[in-house]
C-alpha cells in the first residue's frame, strides 16, 4: 500500500490500479482485477498520485 508523505507525493505505488484520461481531460481510476471504474478527478486535471497511467 502506498503511504502519504504529507509533501505532495506518495512513497510506493498503488497496486492493482491504473488510470486512463478521458477526452475531457479528467483522470479516471480503474481496478485492474475487475476493470470497473472507481473514481474520477473532476477538480483538477492532474492525475492521481502513485497510480499507473494507461496509454
PDB file of N, CA and C in Angstrom:
ATOM      1  N   UNK A   1       0.844  -1.181   0.000  1.00  0.00           N
ATOM      2  CA  UNK A   1       0.000   0.000   0.000  1.00  0.00           C
ATOM      3  C   UNK A   1       0.881   1.233   0.000  1.00  0.00           C
ATOM      4  N   UNK A   2       0.528   2.202  -0.801  1.00  0.00           N
ATOM      5  CA  UNK A   2       1.273   3.448  -0.865  1.00  0.00           C
ATOM      6  C   UNK A   2       0.966   4.295   0.369  1.00  0.00           C
ATOM      7  N   UNK A   3       1.957   4.970   0.874  1.00  0.00           N
ATOM      8  CA  UNK A   3       1.798   5.808   2.059  1.00  0.00           C
ATOM      9  C   UNK A   3       1.939   7.276   1.686  1.00  0.00           C
ATOM     10  N   UNK A   4       1.092   8.124   2.259  1.00  0.00           N
ATOM     11  CA  UNK A   4       1.196   9.556   2.048  1.00  0.00           C
ATOM     12  C   UNK A   4       2.365  10.100   2.863  1.00  0.00           C
ATOM     13  N   UNK A   5       3.124  11.032   2.271  1.00  0.00           N
ATOM     14  CA  UNK A   5       4.246  11.623   2.991  1.00  0.00           C
ATOM     15  C   UNK A   5       3.892  12.982   3.580  1.00  0.00           C
ATOM     16  N   UNK A   6       2.840  13.613   3.063  1.00  0.00           N
ATOM     17  CA  UNK A   6       2.479  14.946   3.514  1.00  0.00           C
ATOM     18  C   UNK A   6       3.196  16.032   2.735  1.00  0.00           C
ATOM     19  N   UNK A   7       4.052  15.645   1.780  1.00  0.00           N
ATOM     20  CA  UNK A   7       4.804  16.606   0.973  1.00  0.00           C
ATOM     21  C   UNK A   7       4.340  16.628  -0.483  1.00  0.00           C
ATOM     22  N   UNK A   8       3.134  16.131  -0.772  1.00  0.00           N
ATOM     23  CA  UNK A   8       2.594  16.183  -2.119  1.00  0.00           C
ATOM     24  C   UNK A   8       2.960  15.001  -2.999  1.00  0.00           C
ATOM     25  N   UNK A   9       3.463  13.928  -2.402  1.00  0.00           N
ATOM     26  CA  UNK A   9       3.750  12.729  -3.184  1.00  0.00           C
ATOM     27  C   UNK A   9       3.552  11.506  -2.300  1.00  0.00           C
ATOM     28  N   UNK A  10       3.516  10.334  -2.920  1.00  0.00           N
ATOM     29  CA  UNK A  10       3.351   9.083  -2.187  1.00  0.00           C
ATOM     30  C   UNK A  10       4.641   8.292  -2.225  1.00  0.00           C
ATOM     31  N   UNK A  11       4.866   7.531  -1.208  1.00  0.00           N
ATOM     32  CA  UNK A  11       6.018   6.633  -1.166  1.00  0.00           C
ATOM     33  C   UNK A  11       5.502   5.244  -1.505  1.00  0.00           C
ATOM     34  N   UNK A  12       5.916   4.711  -2.651  1.00  0.00           N
ATOM     35  CA  UNK A  12       5.430   3.416  -3.114  1.00  0.00           C
ATOM     36  C   UNK A  12       4.338   3.587  -4.147  1.00  0.00           C
ATOM     37  N   UNK A  13       3.961   2.485  -4.753  1.00  0.00           N
ATOM     38  CA  UNK A  13       2.955   2.515  -5.809  1.00  0.00           C
ATOM     39  C   UNK A  13       1.634   1.973  -5.291  1.00  0.00           C
ATOM     40  N   UNK A  14       0.548   2.451  -5.893  1.00  0.00           N
ATOM     41  CA  UNK A  14      -0.768   1.915  -5.597  1.00  0.00           C
ATOM     42  C   UNK A  14      -0.928   0.687  -6.492  1.00  0.00           C
ATOM     43  N   UNK A  15      -1.090  -0.487  -5.900  1.00  0.00           N
ATOM     44  CA  UNK A  15      -1.145  -1.712  -6.680  1.00  0.00           C
ATOM     45  C   UNK A  15      -2.565  -1.991  -7.161  1.00  0.00           C
ATOM     46  N   UNK A  16      -2.678  -2.730  -8.250  1.00  0.00           N
ATOM     47  CA  UNK A  16      -3.957  -3.153  -8.837  1.00  0.00           C
ATOM     48  C   UNK A  16      -4.835  -1.989  -9.262  1.00  0.00           C
ATOM     49  N   UNK A  17      -4.224  -0.877  -9.655  1.00  0.00           N
ATOM     50  CA  UNK A  17      -4.973   0.278 -10.145  1.00  0.00           C
ATOM     51  C   UNK A  17      -4.266   0.847 -11.370  1.00  0.00           C
ATOM     52  N   UNK A  18      -5.042   1.454 -12.258  1.00  0.00           N
ATOM     53  CA  UNK A  18      -4.486   2.178 -13.394  1.00  0.00           C
ATOM     54  C   UNK A  18      -5.415   3.355 -13.666  1.00  0.00           C
ATOM     55  N   UNK A  19      -4.971   4.293 -14.490  1.00  0.00           N
ATOM     56  CA  UNK A  19      -5.806   5.459 -14.760  1.00  0.00           C
ATOM     57  C   UNK A  19      -5.682   5.920 -16.205  1.00  0.00           C
ATOM     58  N   UNK A  20      -6.789   5.868 -16.946  1.00  0.00           N
ATOM     59  CA  UNK A  20      -6.818   6.474 -18.275  1.00  0.00           C
ATOM     60  C   UNK A  20      -7.303   7.918 -18.162  1.00  0.00           C
ATOM     61  N   UNK A  21      -7.033   8.702 -19.194  1.00  0.00           N
ATOM     62  CA  UNK A  21      -7.512  10.083 -19.225  1.00  0.00           C
ATOM     63  C   UNK A  21      -8.674  10.171 -20.202  1.00  0.00           C
ATOM     64  N   UNK A  22      -9.756  10.803 -19.787  1.00  0.00           N
ATOM     65  CA  UNK A  22     -10.938  10.940 -20.635  1.00  0.00           C
ATOM     66  C   UNK A  22     -10.691  12.032 -21.671  1.00  0.00           C
ATOM     67  N   UNK A  23     -11.502  12.071 -22.730  1.00  0.00           N
ATOM     68  CA  UNK A  23     -11.352  13.142 -23.730  1.00  0.00           C
ATOM     69  C   UNK A  23     -11.524  14.545 -23.152  1.00  0.00           C
ATOM     70  N   UNK A  24     -12.276  14.667 -22.049  1.00  0.00           N
ATOM     71  CA  UNK A  24     -12.459  15.978 -21.429  1.00  0.00           C
ATOM     72  C   UNK A  24     -11.266  16.385 -20.579  1.00  0.00           C
ATOM     73  N   UNK A  25     -10.290  15.455 -20.397  1.00  0.00           N
ATOM     74  CA  UNK A  25      -9.091  15.772 -19.633  1.00  0.00           C
ATOM     75  C   UNK A  25      -9.098  15.273 -18.208  1.00  0.00           C
ATOM     76  N   UNK A  26     -10.222  14.708 -17.756  1.00  0.00           N
ATOM     77  CA  UNK A  26     -10.297  14.168 -16.397  1.00  0.00           C
ATOM     78  C   UNK A  26      -9.591  12.816 -16.332  1.00  0.00           C
ATOM     79  N   UNK A  27      -9.090  12.472 -15.156  1.00  0.00           N
ATOM     80  CA  UNK A  27      -8.459  11.174 -14.930  1.00  0.00           C
ATOM     81  C   UNK A  27      -9.432  10.268 -14.206  1.00  0.00           C
ATOM     82  N   UNK A  28      -9.506   8.995 -14.632  1.00  0.00           N
ATOM     83  CA  UNK A  28     -10.419   8.027 -14.043  1.00  0.00           C
ATOM     84  C   UNK A  28      -9.607   6.860 -13.513  1.00  0.00           C
ATOM     85  N   UNK A  29      -9.800   6.527 -12.240  1.00  0.00           N
ATOM     86  CA  UNK A  29      -9.086   5.408 -11.624  1.00  0.00           C
ATOM     87  C   UNK A  29      -9.850   4.123 -11.925  1.00  0.00           C
ATOM     88  N   UNK A  30      -9.114   3.059 -12.352  1.00  0.00           N
ATOM     89  CA  UNK A  30      -9.725   1.788 -12.729  1.00  0.00           C
ATOM     90  C   UNK A  30      -9.106   0.640 -11.938  1.00  0.00           C
ATOM     91  N   UNK A  31      -9.929  -0.308 -11.530  1.00  0.00           N
ATOM     92  CA  UNK A  31      -9.468  -1.508 -10.830  1.00  0.00           C
ATOM     93  C   UNK A  31      -8.964  -2.494 -11.885  1.00  0.00           C
ATOM     94  N   UNK A  32      -7.747  -3.006 -11.723  1.00  0.00           N
ATOM     95  CA  UNK A  32      -7.169  -3.918 -12.705  1.00  0.00           C
ATOM     96  C   UNK A  32      -7.836  -5.289 -12.693  1.00  0.00           C
ATOM     97  N   UNK A  33      -8.314  -5.727 -11.539  1.00  0.00           N
ATOM     98  CA  UNK A  33      -8.909  -7.060 -11.442  1.00  0.00           C
ATOM     99  C   UNK A  33     -10.264  -7.131 -12.138  1.00  0.00           C
ATOM    100  N   UNK A  34     -11.127  -6.160 -11.875  1.00  0.00           N
ATOM    101  CA  UNK A  34     -12.490  -6.199 -12.413  1.00  0.00           C
ATOM    102  C   UNK A  34     -12.667  -5.321 -13.640  1.00  0.00           C
ATOM    103  N   UNK A  35     -11.804  -4.325 -13.838  1.00  0.00           N
ATOM    104  CA  UNK A  35     -11.948  -3.400 -14.954  1.00  0.00           C
ATOM    105  C   UNK A  35     -12.950  -2.292 -14.691  1.00  0.00           C
ATOM    106  N   UNK A  36     -13.526  -2.269 -13.496  1.00  0.00           N
ATOM    107  CA  UNK A  36     -14.532  -1.259 -13.165  1.00  0.00           C
ATOM    108  C   UNK A  36     -13.863   0.063 -12.808  1.00  0.00           C
ATOM    109  N   UNK A  37     -14.540   1.160 -13.139  1.00  0.00           N
ATOM    110  CA  UNK A  37     -14.061   2.478 -12.780  1.00  0.00           C
ATOM    111  C   UNK A  37     -14.387   2.735 -11.316  1.00  0.00           C
ATOM    112  N   UNK A  38     -13.413   3.309 -10.590  1.00  0.00           N
ATOM    113  CA  UNK A  38     -13.551   3.513  -9.158  1.00  0.00           C
ATOM    114  C   UNK A  38     -13.862   4.972  -8.836  1.00  0.00           C
ATOM    115  N   UNK A  39     -13.084   5.876  -9.410  1.00  0.00           N
ATOM    116  CA  UNK A  39     -13.177   7.282  -9.034  1.00  0.00           C
ATOM    117  C   UNK A  39     -12.748   8.133 -10.211  1.00  0.00           C
ATOM    118  N   UNK A  40     -13.246   9.362 -10.273  1.00  0.00           N
ATOM    119  CA  UNK A  40     -12.855  10.294 -11.314  1.00  0.00           C
ATOM    120  C   UNK A  40     -12.473  11.618 -10.689  1.00  0.00           C
ATOM    121  N   UNK A  41     -11.370  12.198 -11.171  1.00  0.00           N
ATOM    122  CA  UNK A  41     -10.939  13.508 -10.680  1.00  0.00           C
ATOM    123  C   UNK A  41     -11.550  14.581 -11.554  1.00  0.00           C
ATOM    124  N   UNK A  42     -12.387  15.410 -10.964  1.00  0.00           N
ATOM    125  CA  UNK A  42     -13.024  16.478 -11.729  1.00  0.00           C
ATOM    126  C   UNK A  42     -12.538  17.853 -11.292  1.00  0.00           C
ATOM    127  N   UNK A  43     -11.873  17.930 -10.148  1.00  0.00           N
ATOM    128  CA  UNK A  43     -11.473  19.240  -9.634  1.00  0.00           C
ATOM    129  C   UNK A  43     -10.167  19.724 -10.241  1.00  0.00           C
ATOM    130  N   UNK A  44      -9.267  18.815 -10.622  1.00  0.00           N
ATOM    131  CA  UNK A  44      -8.012  19.241 -11.239  1.00  0.00           C
ATOM    132  C   UNK A  44      -7.696  18.318 -12.396  1.00  0.00           C
ATOM    133  N   UNK A  45      -6.867  18.785 -13.297  1.00  0.00           N
ATOM    134  CA  UNK A  45      -6.505  17.997 -14.467  1.00  0.00           C
ATOM    135  C   UNK A  45      -5.236  17.180 -14.231  1.00  0.00           C
ATOM    136  N   UNK A  46      -4.776  17.117 -12.977  1.00  0.00           N
ATOM    137  CA  UNK A  46      -3.591  16.331 -12.656  1.00  0.00           C
ATOM    138  C   UNK A  46      -4.009  14.910 -12.322  1.00  0.00           C
ATOM    139  N   UNK A  47      -3.176  13.921 -12.652  1.00  0.00           N
ATOM    140  CA  UNK A  47      -3.534  12.523 -12.389  1.00  0.00           C
ATOM    141  C   UNK A  47      -3.485  12.177 -10.903  1.00  0.00           C
ATOM    142  N   UNK A  48      -4.065  11.019 -10.551  1.00  0.00           N
ATOM    143  CA  UNK A  48      -3.986  10.517  -9.186  1.00  0.00           C
ATOM    144  C   UNK A  48      -2.535  10.218  -8.850  1.00  0.00           C
ATOM    145  N   UNK A  49      -2.155  10.427  -7.607  1.00  0.00           N
ATOM    146  CA  UNK A  49      -0.769  10.195  -7.188  1.00  0.00           C
ATOM    147  C   UNK A  49      -0.508   8.708  -7.011  1.00  0.00           C
ATOM    148  N   UNK A  50       0.590   8.227  -7.558  1.00  0.00           N
ATOM    149  CA  UNK A  50       1.024   6.869  -7.336  1.00  0.00           C
ATOM    150  C   UNK A  50       0.288   5.804  -8.120  1.00  0.00           C
ATOM    151  N   UNK A  51      -0.623   6.205  -9.020  1.00  0.00           N
ATOM    152  CA  UNK A  51      -1.395   5.238  -9.803  1.00  0.00           C
ATOM    153  C   UNK A  51      -0.824   5.211 -11.221  1.00  0.00           C
ATOM    154  N   UNK A  52      -0.616   4.003 -11.745  1.00  0.00           N
ATOM    155  CA  UNK A  52      -0.031   3.807 -13.085  1.00  0.00           C
ATOM    156  C   UNK A  52      -0.961   4.393 -14.147  1.00  0.00           C
ATOM    157  N   UNK A  53      -0.396   5.056 -15.133  1.00  0.00           N
ATOM    158  CA  UNK A  53      -1.159   5.667 -16.215  1.00  0.00           C
ATOM    159  C   UNK A  53      -1.300   4.691 -17.386  1.00  0.00           C
ATOM    160  N   UNK A  54      -2.493   4.696 -18.008  1.00  0.00           N
ATOM    161  CA  UNK A  54      -2.714   3.915 -19.220  1.00  0.00           C
ATOM    162  C   UNK A  54      -2.440   4.810 -20.412  1.00  0.00           C
ATOM    163  N   UNK A  55      -1.989   4.212 -21.490  1.00  0.00           N
ATOM    164  CA  UNK A  55      -1.718   5.000 -22.705  1.00  0.00           C
ATOM    165  C   UNK A  55      -2.784   4.810 -23.734  1.00  0.00           C
TER     166      UNK A  55
END
